[in-house]
Amino acid sequence: MTPDELKRGTMRVNCARESDEVLVLSVEDDGAGLVDGVAPTHKGGGFGMKMIEGLATQIGARFEQTRTNLGSRSVVRLPITTSTLSAK
């Protein structure tokens, strides 16, 4: 594949209520996926991965990343609370 072919792809972003208590934000792509040798839940990932994990922890959310047949999927599960709904 040429570098230009590697840049083309599709990204899907979805935000939905999983239940009355949980909001789920997911981002999926059909790109190259996660770096080989790094497990999806590897805590020693790059700066971006650490940033997302840290921010998710600060707001009581869970961050997950998985490989898919076509690329990768990142999910943040955010607990819905009164303070979440009234955040400015």
N, C-alpha and C. Protein backbone atom coordinates (compact mmCIF):
# COMPACT_ATOMS: atom_id res chain seq x y z
N MET A 1 0.82 -1.19 0.00
CA MET A 1 0.00 0.00 0.00
C MET A 1 0.86 1.25 0.00
N THR A 2 0.38 2.24 -0.69
CA THR A 2 1.09 3.53 -0.70
C THR A 2 0.70 4.33 0.54
N PRO A 3 1.50 5.33 0.93
CA PRO A 3 1.15 6.16 2.08
C PRO A 3 -0.23 6.80 1.94
N ASP A 4 -0.61 7.22 0.71
CA ASP A 4 -1.94 7.82 0.52
C ASP A 4 -3.05 6.81 0.78
N GLU A 5 -2.85 5.56 0.40
CA GLU A 5 -3.86 4.53 0.63
C GLU A 5 -4.02 4.26 2.13
N LEU A 6 -2.94 4.38 2.89
CA LEU A 6 -3.00 4.15 4.33
C LEU A 6 -3.79 5.25 5.03
N LYS A 7 -3.84 6.45 4.46
CA LYS A 7 -4.53 7.58 5.08
C LYS A 7 -6.04 7.55 4.87
N ARG A 8 -6.51 6.84 3.87
CA ARG A 8 -7.94 6.79 3.59
C ARG A 8 -8.62 5.81 4.53
N GLY A 9 -9.82 6.15 4.93
CA GLY A 9 -10.55 5.25 5.81
C GLY A 9 -11.80 5.91 6.34
N THR A 10 -12.43 5.20 7.22
CA THR A 10 -13.68 5.66 7.80
C THR A 10 -13.56 5.68 9.31
N MET A 11 -14.09 6.74 9.91
CA MET A 11 -14.16 6.82 11.36
C MET A 11 -15.62 7.01 11.74
N ARG A 12 -16.06 6.24 12.71
CA ARG A 12 -17.43 6.34 13.20
C ARG A 12 -17.42 6.77 14.66
N VAL A 13 -18.21 7.78 14.98
CA VAL A 13 -18.32 8.27 16.36
C VAL A 13 -19.77 8.10 16.78
N ASN A 14 -19.97 7.52 17.95
CA ASN A 14 -21.31 7.29 18.45
C ASN A 14 -21.38 7.65 19.93
N CYS A 15 -22.47 8.25 20.33
CA CYS A 15 -22.72 8.56 21.73
C CYS A 15 -24.15 8.14 22.03
N ALA A 16 -24.31 7.26 23.01
CA ALA A 16 -25.64 6.75 23.32
C ALA A 16 -25.73 6.40 24.80
N ARG A 17 -26.93 6.46 25.31
CA ARG A 17 -27.18 6.04 26.68
C ARG A 17 -27.23 4.52 26.72
N GLU A 18 -26.37 3.92 27.52
CA GLU A 18 -26.39 2.47 27.67
C GLU A 18 -27.48 2.07 28.66
N SER A 19 -27.69 2.93 29.65
CA SER A 19 -28.72 2.71 30.67
C SER A 19 -29.00 4.07 31.31
N ASP A 20 -29.83 4.07 32.34
CA ASP A 20 -30.10 5.33 33.04
C ASP A 20 -28.86 5.84 33.76
N GLU A 21 -27.89 4.97 33.98
CA GLU A 21 -26.70 5.34 34.75
C GLU A 21 -25.43 5.53 33.91
N VAL A 22 -25.45 5.13 32.62
CA VAL A 22 -24.21 5.13 31.84
C VAL A 22 -24.41 5.71 30.44
N LEU A 23 -23.51 6.63 30.08
CA LEU A 23 -23.44 7.19 28.73
C LEU A 23 -22.19 6.61 28.07
N VAL A 24 -22.32 6.14 26.84
CA VAL A 24 -21.20 5.50 26.15
C VAL A 24 -20.81 6.30 24.91
N LEU A 25 -19.54 6.71 24.86
CA LEU A 25 -18.98 7.38 23.69
C LEU A 25 -18.02 6.40 23.05
N SER A 26 -18.24 6.09 21.77
CA SER A 26 -17.34 5.16 21.09
C SER A 26 -16.83 5.76 19.78
N VAL A 27 -15.59 5.43 19.47
CA VAL A 27 -14.95 5.86 18.23
C VAL A 27 -14.35 4.62 17.60
N GLU A 28 -14.76 4.33 16.36
CA GLU A 28 -14.24 3.16 15.64
C GLU A 28 -13.64 3.62 14.32
N ASP A 29 -12.60 2.91 13.88
CA ASP A 29 -12.03 3.22 12.57
C ASP A 29 -11.66 1.94 11.85
N ASP A 30 -11.37 2.08 10.58
CA ASP A 30 -10.94 0.92 9.80
C ASP A 30 -9.51 1.11 9.34
N GLY A 31 -8.74 1.78 10.18
CA GLY A 31 -7.33 2.06 9.86
C GLY A 31 -6.42 0.91 10.24
N ALA A 32 -5.16 1.22 10.46
CA ALA A 32 -4.14 0.22 10.74
C ALA A 32 -4.35 -0.46 12.09
N GLY A 33 -5.16 0.13 12.98
CA GLY A 33 -5.40 -0.47 14.28
C GLY A 33 -4.35 -0.09 15.29
N LEU A 34 -4.33 -0.83 16.38
CA LEU A 34 -3.39 -0.57 17.45
C LEU A 34 -2.00 -1.05 17.06
N VAL A 35 -1.00 -0.48 17.69
CA VAL A 35 0.39 -0.85 17.43
C VAL A 35 0.62 -2.30 17.83
N ASP A 36 1.28 -3.07 16.96
CA ASP A 36 1.60 -4.46 17.28
C ASP A 36 2.45 -4.51 18.54
N GLY A 37 2.17 -5.50 19.39
CA GLY A 37 2.95 -5.68 20.60
C GLY A 37 2.42 -4.89 21.78
N VAL A 38 1.43 -4.03 21.56
CA VAL A 38 0.83 -3.28 22.66
C VAL A 38 -0.59 -3.77 22.83
N ALA A 39 -0.85 -4.36 23.97
CA ALA A 39 -2.20 -4.88 24.24
C ALA A 39 -3.17 -3.72 24.32
N PRO A 40 -4.43 -3.92 23.94
CA PRO A 40 -5.42 -2.85 23.97
C PRO A 40 -5.55 -2.18 25.33
N THR A 41 -5.31 -2.90 26.42
CA THR A 41 -5.44 -2.32 27.75
C THR A 41 -4.09 -1.95 28.34
N HIS A 42 -3.04 -1.95 27.54
CA HIS A 42 -1.69 -1.66 27.99
C HIS A 42 -1.62 -0.27 28.59
N LYS A 43 -1.19 -0.15 29.83
CA LYS A 43 -1.12 1.14 30.52
C LYS A 43 0.09 1.96 30.10
N GLY A 44 1.02 1.39 29.38
CA GLY A 44 2.22 2.11 28.99
C GLY A 44 2.15 2.68 27.59
N GLY A 45 0.94 2.91 27.08
CA GLY A 45 0.76 3.42 25.73
C GLY A 45 1.34 4.81 25.57
N GLY A 46 1.08 5.44 24.44
CA GLY A 46 1.60 6.76 24.17
C GLY A 46 0.92 7.84 25.00
N PHE A 47 1.35 9.07 24.78
CA PHE A 47 0.85 10.21 25.54
C PHE A 47 -0.66 10.35 25.40
N GLY A 48 -1.19 10.20 24.19
CA GLY A 48 -2.62 10.34 23.97
C GLY A 48 -3.43 9.34 24.77
N MET A 49 -2.95 8.08 24.79
CA MET A 49 -3.64 7.02 25.54
C MET A 49 -3.62 7.35 27.04
N LYS A 50 -2.47 7.79 27.54
CA LYS A 50 -2.38 8.15 28.96
C LYS A 50 -3.28 9.33 29.30
N MET A 51 -3.37 10.29 28.40
CA MET A 51 -4.21 11.46 28.61
C MET A 51 -5.68 11.05 28.71
N ILE A 52 -6.14 10.22 27.78
CA ILE A 52 -7.53 9.77 27.80
C ILE A 52 -7.82 8.97 29.06
N GLU A 53 -6.92 8.05 29.42
CA GLU A 53 -7.12 7.25 30.63
C GLU A 53 -7.18 8.14 31.87
N GLY A 54 -6.30 9.13 31.95
CA GLY A 54 -6.27 10.04 33.10
C GLY A 54 -7.53 10.89 33.20
N LEU A 55 -7.95 11.44 32.08
CA LEU A 55 -9.17 12.26 32.08
C LEU A 55 -10.40 11.42 32.42
N ALA A 56 -10.46 10.21 31.87
CA ALA A 56 -11.59 9.32 32.17
C ALA A 56 -11.63 9.01 33.66
N THR A 57 -10.49 8.73 34.24
CA THR A 57 -10.42 8.43 35.68
C THR A 57 -10.89 9.62 36.51
N GLN A 58 -10.49 10.82 36.11
CA GLN A 58 -10.87 12.03 36.85
C GLN A 58 -12.38 12.22 36.92
N ILE A 59 -13.09 11.80 35.89
CA ILE A 59 -14.55 12.00 35.89
C ILE A 59 -15.31 10.71 36.23
N GLY A 60 -14.58 9.70 36.70
CA GLY A 60 -15.22 8.46 37.11
C GLY A 60 -15.64 7.57 35.96
N ALA A 61 -15.05 7.78 34.79
CA ALA A 61 -15.40 6.99 33.60
C ALA A 61 -14.42 5.84 33.42
N ARG A 62 -14.79 4.91 32.56
CA ARG A 62 -13.91 3.78 32.19
C ARG A 62 -13.54 3.93 30.73
N PHE A 63 -12.26 3.72 30.42
CA PHE A 63 -11.77 3.79 29.05
C PHE A 63 -11.34 2.40 28.62
N GLU A 64 -11.79 1.98 27.43
CA GLU A 64 -11.42 0.67 26.89
C GLU A 64 -11.00 0.85 25.44
N GLN A 65 -10.06 0.06 25.01
CA GLN A 65 -9.67 0.07 23.60
C GLN A 65 -9.48 -1.36 23.15
N THR A 66 -10.05 -1.67 21.98
CA THR A 66 -9.96 -3.03 21.45
C THR A 66 -9.63 -3.00 19.97
N ARG A 67 -9.05 -4.08 19.51
CA ARG A 67 -8.84 -4.27 18.08
C ARG A 67 -10.12 -4.83 17.49
N THR A 68 -10.40 -4.46 16.26
CA THR A 68 -11.53 -5.05 15.55
C THR A 68 -10.99 -5.69 14.29
N ASN A 69 -11.84 -6.37 13.55
CA ASN A 69 -11.40 -6.98 12.30
C ASN A 69 -10.90 -5.94 11.30
N LEU A 70 -11.42 -4.72 11.41
CA LEU A 70 -11.08 -3.68 10.43
C LEU A 70 -10.23 -2.55 10.99
N GLY A 71 -9.92 -2.52 12.26
CA GLY A 71 -9.16 -1.41 12.82
C GLY A 71 -9.17 -1.45 14.33
N SER A 72 -9.70 -0.38 14.94
CA SER A 72 -9.75 -0.34 16.40
C SER A 72 -11.02 0.35 16.87
N ARG A 73 -11.33 0.14 18.14
CA ARG A 73 -12.51 0.75 18.75
C ARG A 73 -12.11 1.25 20.13
N SER A 74 -12.41 2.51 20.40
CA SER A 74 -12.16 3.12 21.71
C SER A 74 -13.51 3.48 22.31
N VAL A 75 -13.67 3.17 23.60
CA VAL A 75 -14.94 3.41 24.27
C VAL A 75 -14.69 4.08 25.62
N VAL A 76 -15.48 5.12 25.90
CA VAL A 76 -15.49 5.74 27.22
C VAL A 76 -16.88 5.55 27.78
N ARG A 77 -16.97 4.90 28.96
CA ARG A 77 -18.25 4.72 29.64
C ARG A 77 -18.30 5.72 30.79
N LEU A 78 -19.22 6.66 30.69
CA LEU A 78 -19.32 7.76 31.64
C LEU A 78 -20.54 7.57 32.53
N PRO A 79 -20.33 7.55 33.85
CA PRO A 79 -21.50 7.43 34.73
C PRO A 79 -22.32 8.72 34.67
N ILE A 80 -23.63 8.56 34.55
CA ILE A 80 -24.52 9.71 34.51
C ILE A 80 -24.98 9.99 35.95
N THR A 81 -24.68 11.18 36.41
CA THR A 81 -25.10 11.60 37.74
C THR A 81 -25.75 12.98 37.63
N THR A 82 -26.30 13.44 38.70
CA THR A 82 -26.90 14.77 38.71
C THR A 82 -25.85 15.81 38.35
N SER A 83 -24.62 15.64 38.86
CA SER A 83 -23.57 16.61 38.55
C SER A 83 -23.16 16.53 37.09
N THR A 84 -23.21 15.35 36.48
CA THR A 84 -22.89 15.20 35.06
C THR A 84 -23.92 15.98 34.22
N LEU A 85 -25.18 15.84 34.57
CA LEU A 85 -26.24 16.48 33.81
C LEU A 85 -26.26 17.99 33.98
N SER A 86 -25.78 18.49 35.13
CA SER A 86 -25.82 19.93 35.37
C SER A 86 -24.47 20.61 35.13
N ALA A 87 -23.48 19.88 34.59
CA ALA A 87 -22.15 20.46 34.34
C ALA A 87 -22.26 21.62 33.37
N LYS A 88 -21.49 22.66 33.64
CA LYS A 88 -21.52 23.85 32.77
C LYS A 88 -20.50 23.75 31.68
